[in-house]
């Protein structure tokens, strides 16, 4: 089992920045992919960005050039730097990991990001 705890959400004006942080605990040595998904009201959960242990990244087109994912492989922590935020970025952001062994996926409890003037 893996437990994920997120922090860093909040309210920001359009054009502003926020950083999200997620720490994994438990069976962390088998973690491969770490990243972030988001879900806006009435919409499906969608990919924001992920990064594998090898450093391969995958970003949603809507956040490329604005968001940057990074991670600490040893500590199994993942970060998301969000710049030039837009109202359409408003959502609950979920930390996500995928194991390299059994391919199980785990989710954090979510952190709210609101972009509004």
Protein backbone atom coordinates (compact mmCIF):
# COMPACT_ATOMS: atom_id res chain seq x y z
CA UNK A 1 0.00 0.00 0.00
CA UNK A 2 1.02 3.58 -0.67
CA UNK A 3 -0.29 6.68 1.05
CA UNK A 4 -0.13 10.07 -0.62
CA UNK A 5 -0.44 13.44 1.07
CA UNK A 6 -0.78 16.62 -0.98
CA UNK A 7 -0.37 20.24 -0.02
CA UNK A 8 -0.09 23.63 -1.67
CA UNK A 9 -3.47 24.32 -3.18
CA UNK A 10 -5.34 27.57 -2.69
CA UNK A 11 -6.83 30.64 -4.29
CA UNK A 12 -4.83 32.66 -6.79
CA UNK A 13 -5.60 35.40 -9.28
CA UNK A 14 -5.36 34.77 -13.03
CA UNK A 15 -1.76 34.99 -14.14
CA UNK A 16 -0.49 33.95 -10.73
CA UNK A 17 1.50 30.93 -9.58
CA UNK A 18 1.06 28.06 -7.16
CA UNK A 19 3.15 25.06 -6.21
CA UNK A 20 1.77 21.66 -5.28
CA UNK A 21 3.62 19.09 -3.24
CA UNK A 22 2.97 15.40 -2.69
CA UNK A 23 4.78 12.97 -0.43
CA UNK A 24 4.42 9.20 -0.69
CA UNK A 25 4.79 6.77 2.19
CA UNK A 26 4.44 3.04 2.62
CA UNK A 27 5.63 0.75 -0.18
CA UNK A 28 7.49 3.53 -1.94
CA UNK A 29 10.36 1.54 -3.39
CA UNK A 30 8.17 0.06 -6.11
CA UNK A 31 6.88 3.43 -7.32
CA UNK A 32 7.58 4.23 -10.96
CA UNK A 33 5.30 6.97 -12.26
CA UNK A 34 4.39 9.94 -10.09
CA UNK A 35 2.28 12.87 -11.13
CA UNK A 36 -0.87 14.90 -11.03
CA UNK A 37 -4.40 14.67 -12.35
CA UNK A 38 -7.22 17.15 -11.89
CA UNK A 39 -10.99 17.15 -11.86
CA UNK A 40 -13.17 20.20 -12.37
CA UNK A 41 -16.84 20.23 -11.32
CA UNK A 42 -18.96 18.20 -13.71
CA UNK A 43 -15.95 16.97 -15.66
CA UNK A 44 -13.92 13.79 -15.77
CA UNK A 45 -10.57 13.49 -14.08
CA UNK A 46 -7.81 14.36 -16.53
CA UNK A 47 -4.06 14.13 -16.78
CA UNK A 48 -2.03 17.17 -15.83
CA UNK A 49 1.53 15.85 -15.77
CA UNK A 50 3.44 12.71 -14.90
CA UNK A 51 7.06 11.73 -14.58
CA UNK A 52 8.65 8.31 -14.44
CA UNK A 53 11.63 7.32 -12.32
CA UNK A 54 13.73 7.56 -15.47
CA UNK A 55 12.67 11.17 -15.91
CA UNK A 56 10.25 10.78 -18.79
CA UNK A 57 7.50 13.37 -18.59
CA UNK A 58 4.01 13.63 -20.03
CA UNK A 59 2.02 16.86 -19.95
CA UNK A 60 -1.49 17.74 -20.96
CA UNK A 61 -1.41 20.10 -23.95
CA UNK A 62 -3.36 22.67 -21.96
CA UNK A 63 -0.59 23.07 -19.37
CA UNK A 64 2.56 22.73 -21.47
CA UNK A 65 4.92 25.70 -21.09
CA UNK A 66 3.02 26.81 -17.98
CA UNK A 67 3.36 23.88 -15.56
CA UNK A 68 6.52 22.03 -14.57
CA UNK A 69 6.66 18.69 -12.82
CA UNK A 70 9.64 17.54 -10.80
CA UNK A 71 10.35 14.84 -8.28
CA UNK A 72 12.76 13.56 -5.69
CA UNK A 73 13.28 9.90 -6.56
CA UNK A 74 14.92 9.02 -3.30
CA UNK A 75 12.23 10.56 -1.12
CA UNK A 76 9.41 9.71 -3.54
CA UNK A 77 8.07 13.24 -3.52
CA UNK A 78 6.60 15.03 -6.51
CA UNK A 79 6.07 18.72 -7.16
CA UNK A 80 4.06 20.74 -9.62
CA UNK A 81 4.97 24.34 -10.32
CA UNK A 82 2.03 26.11 -11.93
CA UNK A 83 2.60 29.46 -13.60
CA UNK A 84 0.38 31.76 -15.64
CA UNK A 85 -2.68 30.18 -14.09
CA UNK A 86 -6.02 30.55 -15.83
CA UNK A 87 -9.58 30.26 -14.49
CA UNK A 88 -9.93 27.02 -16.44
CA UNK A 89 -7.17 25.52 -14.28
CA UNK A 90 -9.60 25.58 -11.36
CA UNK A 91 -10.04 22.01 -10.14
CA UNK A 92 -9.21 19.54 -7.44
CA UNK A 93 -5.69 18.31 -8.08
CA UNK A 94 -4.87 14.73 -7.19
CA UNK A 95 -1.46 13.24 -6.63
CA UNK A 96 -1.00 9.93 -8.46
CA UNK A 97 1.49 7.09 -8.43
CA UNK A 98 1.79 3.88 -10.40
CA UNK A 99 3.83 0.94 -9.23
CA UNK A 100 6.49 -0.70 -11.37
CA UNK A 101 5.76 -4.22 -10.11
CA UNK A 102 2.02 -4.88 -10.00
CA UNK A 103 1.02 -1.67 -11.89
CA UNK A 104 -1.36 -0.69 -9.06
CA UNK A 105 -2.34 2.96 -8.95
CA UNK A 106 -2.83 5.12 -5.89
CA UNK A 107 -4.41 8.53 -5.42
CA UNK A 108 -4.12 11.30 -2.89
CA UNK A 109 -7.11 12.94 -1.26
CA UNK A 110 -6.91 15.97 -3.53
CA UNK A 111 -6.16 19.64 -3.03
CA UNK A 112 -8.30 22.47 -4.33
CA UNK A 113 -6.84 25.01 -6.75
CA UNK A 114 -9.03 28.00 -7.53
CA UNK A 115 -8.04 30.65 -10.07
CA UNK A 116 -10.29 33.67 -9.79
CA UNK A 117 -10.14 37.43 -9.57
